[in-house]
């Protein structure tokens, strides 16, 4: 009994760090991991992490997709990194 309760509580804590949504394509539930605390971007504002592409917008918003070509969905602010750095300064910055 104690192990089952412990497993349920631990599972709740582990899943609370991920975004879950019902896929519009009918594929079931998709779990999106939050970004790491520090994200370093190259010249382009794209970041690949744990199977997802993330796009950093000029107004400091983030979107995510399973494909770099989209479709893109809004990433909840709780999944944003604490800091964003640029490796190289390009024409956008």
N, C-alpha and C. Protein backbone atom coordinates (compact mmCIF):
# COMPACT_ATOMS: atom_id res chain seq x y z
N UNK A 1 0.83 -1.19 0.00
CA UNK A 1 0.00 0.00 0.00
C UNK A 1 0.87 1.26 0.00
N UNK A 2 1.91 1.25 0.86
CA UNK A 2 2.77 2.42 0.94
C UNK A 2 3.53 2.64 -0.36
N UNK A 3 3.95 1.55 -1.01
CA UNK A 3 4.69 1.67 -2.27
C UNK A 3 3.79 2.23 -3.37
N UNK A 4 2.55 1.81 -3.40
CA UNK A 4 1.61 2.31 -4.41
C UNK A 4 1.37 3.80 -4.21
N UNK A 5 1.18 4.21 -2.98
CA UNK A 5 0.96 5.62 -2.69
C UNK A 5 2.20 6.43 -3.03
N UNK A 6 3.36 5.93 -2.67
CA UNK A 6 4.61 6.61 -2.98
C UNK A 6 4.81 6.73 -4.49
N UNK A 7 4.51 5.67 -5.23
CA UNK A 7 4.64 5.69 -6.69
C UNK A 7 3.68 6.72 -7.30
N UNK A 8 2.47 6.81 -6.78
CA UNK A 8 1.50 7.77 -7.30
C UNK A 8 1.95 9.20 -7.03
N UNK A 9 2.44 9.47 -5.84
CA UNK A 9 2.91 10.81 -5.50
C UNK A 9 4.14 11.17 -6.32
N UNK A 10 5.08 10.26 -6.43
CA UNK A 10 6.29 10.51 -7.22
C UNK A 10 5.94 10.73 -8.69
N UNK A 11 5.05 9.93 -9.22
CA UNK A 11 4.61 10.10 -10.61
C UNK A 11 3.97 11.46 -10.83
N UNK A 12 3.19 11.92 -9.88
CA UNK A 12 2.58 13.25 -9.98
C UNK A 12 3.61 14.35 -10.03
N UNK A 13 4.64 14.25 -9.21
CA UNK A 13 5.70 15.26 -9.23
C UNK A 13 6.49 15.23 -10.53
N UNK A 14 6.78 14.05 -11.03
CA UNK A 14 7.55 13.93 -12.27
C UNK A 14 6.77 14.45 -13.46
N UNK A 15 5.49 14.16 -13.53
CA UNK A 15 4.69 14.61 -14.66
C UNK A 15 4.32 16.09 -14.58
N UNK A 16 4.40 16.68 -13.40
CA UNK A 16 4.05 18.10 -13.28
C UNK A 16 5.04 18.98 -14.01
N UNK A 17 6.21 18.48 -14.35
CA UNK A 17 7.20 19.25 -15.09
C UNK A 17 7.01 19.19 -16.59
N UNK A 18 6.01 18.49 -17.06
CA UNK A 18 5.78 18.35 -18.50
C UNK A 18 4.40 18.90 -18.86
N UNK A 19 4.30 19.39 -20.07
CA UNK A 19 3.02 19.85 -20.59
C UNK A 19 2.37 18.69 -21.31
N UNK A 20 1.10 18.43 -21.03
CA UNK A 20 0.37 17.38 -21.72
C UNK A 20 -0.82 18.01 -22.41
N UNK A 21 -1.06 17.62 -23.66
CA UNK A 21 -2.22 18.12 -24.38
C UNK A 21 -2.76 17.01 -25.27
N UNK A 22 -4.03 17.12 -25.62
CA UNK A 22 -4.63 16.16 -26.55
C UNK A 22 -4.28 16.58 -27.96
N UNK A 23 -3.69 15.69 -28.70
CA UNK A 23 -3.25 15.99 -30.05
C UNK A 23 -4.44 16.18 -30.98
N UNK A 24 -4.46 17.26 -31.79
CA UNK A 24 -5.57 17.47 -32.71
C UNK A 24 -5.62 16.40 -33.81
N UNK A 25 -4.52 15.72 -34.05
CA UNK A 25 -4.49 14.67 -35.07
C UNK A 25 -5.06 13.36 -34.54
N UNK A 26 -5.48 13.35 -33.28
CA UNK A 26 -6.06 12.16 -32.71
C UNK A 26 -5.04 11.11 -32.29
N UNK A 27 -3.82 11.52 -32.04
CA UNK A 27 -2.78 10.58 -31.67
C UNK A 27 -2.72 10.37 -30.16
N UNK A 28 -3.63 10.89 -29.42
CA UNK A 28 -3.61 10.72 -27.98
C UNK A 28 -2.97 11.90 -27.28
N UNK A 29 -2.35 11.64 -26.16
CA UNK A 29 -1.75 12.69 -25.34
C UNK A 29 -0.28 12.85 -25.70
N UNK A 30 0.16 14.11 -25.82
CA UNK A 30 1.56 14.42 -26.12
C UNK A 30 2.16 15.08 -24.89
N UNK A 31 3.34 14.64 -24.48
CA UNK A 31 4.03 15.21 -23.32
C UNK A 31 5.20 16.04 -23.82
N UNK A 32 5.20 17.34 -23.48
CA UNK A 32 6.24 18.25 -23.93
C UNK A 32 7.12 18.62 -22.73
N UNK A 33 8.42 18.31 -22.79
CA UNK A 33 9.29 18.64 -21.67
C UNK A 33 9.58 20.14 -21.61
N UNK A 34 9.77 20.68 -20.41
CA UNK A 34 10.15 22.09 -20.30
C UNK A 34 11.57 22.28 -20.81
N UNK A 35 11.88 23.51 -21.19
CA UNK A 35 13.23 23.83 -21.64
C UNK A 35 14.19 23.85 -20.46
N UNK A 36 15.48 23.62 -20.71
CA UNK A 36 16.46 23.73 -19.62
C UNK A 36 16.55 25.17 -19.11
N UNK A 37 17.12 25.37 -17.95
CA UNK A 37 17.20 26.71 -17.35
C UNK A 37 17.98 27.68 -18.23
N UNK A 38 19.00 27.21 -18.93
CA UNK A 38 19.79 28.07 -19.82
C UNK A 38 19.71 27.52 -21.24
N UNK A 39 19.28 28.37 -22.17
CA UNK A 39 19.22 28.00 -23.58
C UNK A 39 20.16 28.91 -24.35
N UNK A 40 21.09 28.31 -25.11
CA UNK A 40 22.00 29.07 -25.96
C UNK A 40 21.56 28.88 -27.40
N UNK A 41 21.22 29.99 -28.05
CA UNK A 41 20.79 29.96 -29.44
C UNK A 41 21.92 30.40 -30.35
N UNK A 42 21.95 29.85 -31.56
CA UNK A 42 22.92 30.27 -32.55
C UNK A 42 22.34 31.50 -33.26
N UNK A 43 22.64 31.69 -34.52
CA UNK A 43 22.11 32.85 -35.24
C UNK A 43 20.60 32.74 -35.40
N UNK A 44 20.10 31.53 -35.66
CA UNK A 44 18.67 31.33 -35.81
C UNK A 44 18.03 31.05 -34.45
N UNK A 45 16.79 31.49 -34.27
CA UNK A 45 16.13 31.34 -32.96
C UNK A 45 15.46 29.99 -32.74
N UNK A 46 16.09 28.90 -33.18
CA UNK A 46 15.53 27.57 -32.99
C UNK A 46 16.40 26.77 -32.04
N UNK A 47 15.74 25.91 -31.25
CA UNK A 47 16.44 25.09 -30.28
C UNK A 47 15.79 23.71 -30.30
N UNK A 48 16.59 22.66 -30.37
CA UNK A 48 16.07 21.29 -30.36
C UNK A 48 16.39 20.67 -29.01
N UNK A 49 15.36 20.11 -28.36
CA UNK A 49 15.54 19.54 -27.02
C UNK A 49 14.57 18.39 -26.82
N UNK A 50 15.11 17.22 -26.53
CA UNK A 50 14.33 16.04 -26.17
C UNK A 50 13.20 15.73 -27.16
N UNK A 51 13.52 15.81 -28.45
CA UNK A 51 12.57 15.42 -29.49
C UNK A 51 11.64 16.50 -29.99
N UNK A 52 11.80 17.73 -29.51
CA UNK A 52 10.94 18.84 -29.94
C UNK A 52 11.78 20.02 -30.40
N UNK A 53 11.24 20.75 -31.36
CA UNK A 53 11.83 22.00 -31.80
C UNK A 53 11.15 23.13 -31.05
N UNK A 54 11.95 24.08 -30.62
CA UNK A 54 11.43 25.26 -29.91
C UNK A 54 11.85 26.49 -30.70
N UNK A 55 10.94 27.45 -30.82
CA UNK A 55 11.22 28.68 -31.55
C UNK A 55 11.08 29.87 -30.61
N UNK A 56 12.13 30.68 -30.56
CA UNK A 56 12.16 31.86 -29.70
C UNK A 56 11.77 33.07 -30.54
N UNK A 57 10.72 33.75 -30.16
CA UNK A 57 10.20 34.90 -30.91
C UNK A 57 10.82 36.20 -30.41
N UNK A 58 10.80 37.22 -31.25
CA UNK A 58 11.37 38.52 -30.90
C UNK A 58 10.72 39.15 -29.67
N UNK A 59 9.46 38.81 -29.41
CA UNK A 59 8.77 39.37 -28.24
C UNK A 59 8.92 38.46 -27.01
N UNK A 60 9.95 37.61 -27.01
CA UNK A 60 10.32 36.75 -25.88
C UNK A 60 9.33 35.64 -25.58
N UNK A 61 8.52 35.27 -26.58
CA UNK A 61 7.63 34.11 -26.44
C UNK A 61 8.33 32.88 -27.00
N UNK A 62 7.85 31.71 -26.61
CA UNK A 62 8.35 30.44 -27.14
C UNK A 62 7.21 29.65 -27.74
N UNK A 63 7.51 28.94 -28.83
CA UNK A 63 6.59 27.99 -29.44
C UNK A 63 7.33 26.66 -29.57
N UNK A 64 6.60 25.57 -29.71
CA UNK A 64 7.22 24.27 -29.87
C UNK A 64 6.50 23.47 -30.95
N UNK A 65 7.22 22.51 -31.53
CA UNK A 65 6.67 21.66 -32.57
C UNK A 65 7.48 20.37 -32.64
N UNK A 66 6.87 19.33 -33.16
CA UNK A 66 7.60 18.08 -33.39
C UNK A 66 8.41 18.15 -34.67
N UNK A 67 8.15 19.16 -35.50
CA UNK A 67 8.86 19.34 -36.76
C UNK A 67 9.27 20.80 -36.88
N UNK A 68 10.43 21.05 -37.44
CA UNK A 68 10.88 22.44 -37.58
C UNK A 68 9.95 23.23 -38.49
N UNK A 69 9.24 22.55 -39.36
CA UNK A 69 8.30 23.21 -40.27
C UNK A 69 6.93 23.44 -39.67
N UNK A 70 6.70 23.05 -38.42
CA UNK A 70 5.42 23.27 -37.75
C UNK A 70 4.54 22.04 -37.87
N UNK A 71 3.32 22.13 -37.42
CA UNK A 71 2.65 23.30 -36.85
C UNK A 71 3.20 23.64 -35.46
N UNK A 72 3.20 24.94 -35.16
CA UNK A 72 3.75 25.45 -33.90
C UNK A 72 2.63 25.70 -32.91
N UNK A 73 2.91 25.40 -31.65
CA UNK A 73 1.96 25.65 -30.56
C UNK A 73 2.64 26.53 -29.52
N UNK A 74 1.85 27.29 -28.79
CA UNK A 74 2.41 28.15 -27.74
C UNK A 74 2.93 27.29 -26.60
N UNK A 75 4.10 27.63 -26.12
CA UNK A 75 4.67 26.96 -24.95
C UNK A 75 4.22 27.73 -23.71
N UNK A 76 3.71 27.06 -22.68
CA UNK A 76 3.30 27.78 -21.47
C UNK A 76 4.51 28.46 -20.82
N UNK A 77 4.32 29.66 -20.27
CA UNK A 77 5.43 30.39 -19.65
C UNK A 77 6.17 29.60 -18.57
N UNK A 78 5.52 28.69 -17.90
CA UNK A 78 6.18 27.88 -16.88
C UNK A 78 7.23 26.94 -17.46
N UNK A 79 7.22 26.75 -18.77
CA UNK A 79 8.19 25.89 -19.45
C UNK A 79 9.32 26.68 -20.09
N UNK A 80 9.29 28.01 -19.96
CA UNK A 80 10.33 28.86 -20.54
C UNK A 80 11.64 28.67 -19.77
N UNK A 81 12.77 28.90 -20.43
CA UNK A 81 14.05 28.87 -19.71
C UNK A 81 14.20 30.12 -18.85
N UNK A 82 15.06 30.06 -17.86
CA UNK A 82 15.31 31.24 -17.02
C UNK A 82 16.17 32.25 -17.75
N UNK A 83 17.04 31.74 -18.65
CA UNK A 83 17.96 32.64 -19.36
C UNK A 83 18.13 32.17 -20.80
N UNK A 84 18.20 33.14 -21.72
CA UNK A 84 18.46 32.87 -23.13
C UNK A 84 19.72 33.62 -23.52
N UNK A 85 20.67 32.90 -24.10
CA UNK A 85 21.91 33.52 -24.58
C UNK A 85 22.06 33.23 -26.07
N UNK A 86 22.80 34.11 -26.73
CA UNK A 86 23.09 33.94 -28.15
C UNK A 86 24.57 33.62 -28.31
N UNK A 87 24.89 32.55 -29.06
CA UNK A 87 26.28 32.18 -29.31
C UNK A 87 26.96 33.18 -30.22
N UNK A 88 26.24 33.60 -31.26
CA UNK A 88 26.79 34.55 -32.23
C UNK A 88 25.76 35.64 -32.45
N UNK A 89 26.24 36.83 -32.64
CA UNK A 89 25.34 37.93 -32.94
C UNK A 89 25.19 38.01 -34.45
N UNK A 90 23.98 37.89 -34.92
CA UNK A 90 23.69 37.97 -36.35
C UNK A 90 22.91 39.22 -36.67
N UNK A 91 22.34 39.31 -37.86
CA UNK A 91 21.60 40.50 -38.27
C UNK A 91 20.34 40.73 -37.45
N UNK A 92 19.85 39.70 -36.76
CA UNK A 92 18.61 39.84 -35.98
C UNK A 92 18.85 40.51 -34.64
N UNK A 93 20.11 40.58 -34.16
CA UNK A 93 20.36 41.00 -32.77
C UNK A 93 21.31 42.16 -32.71
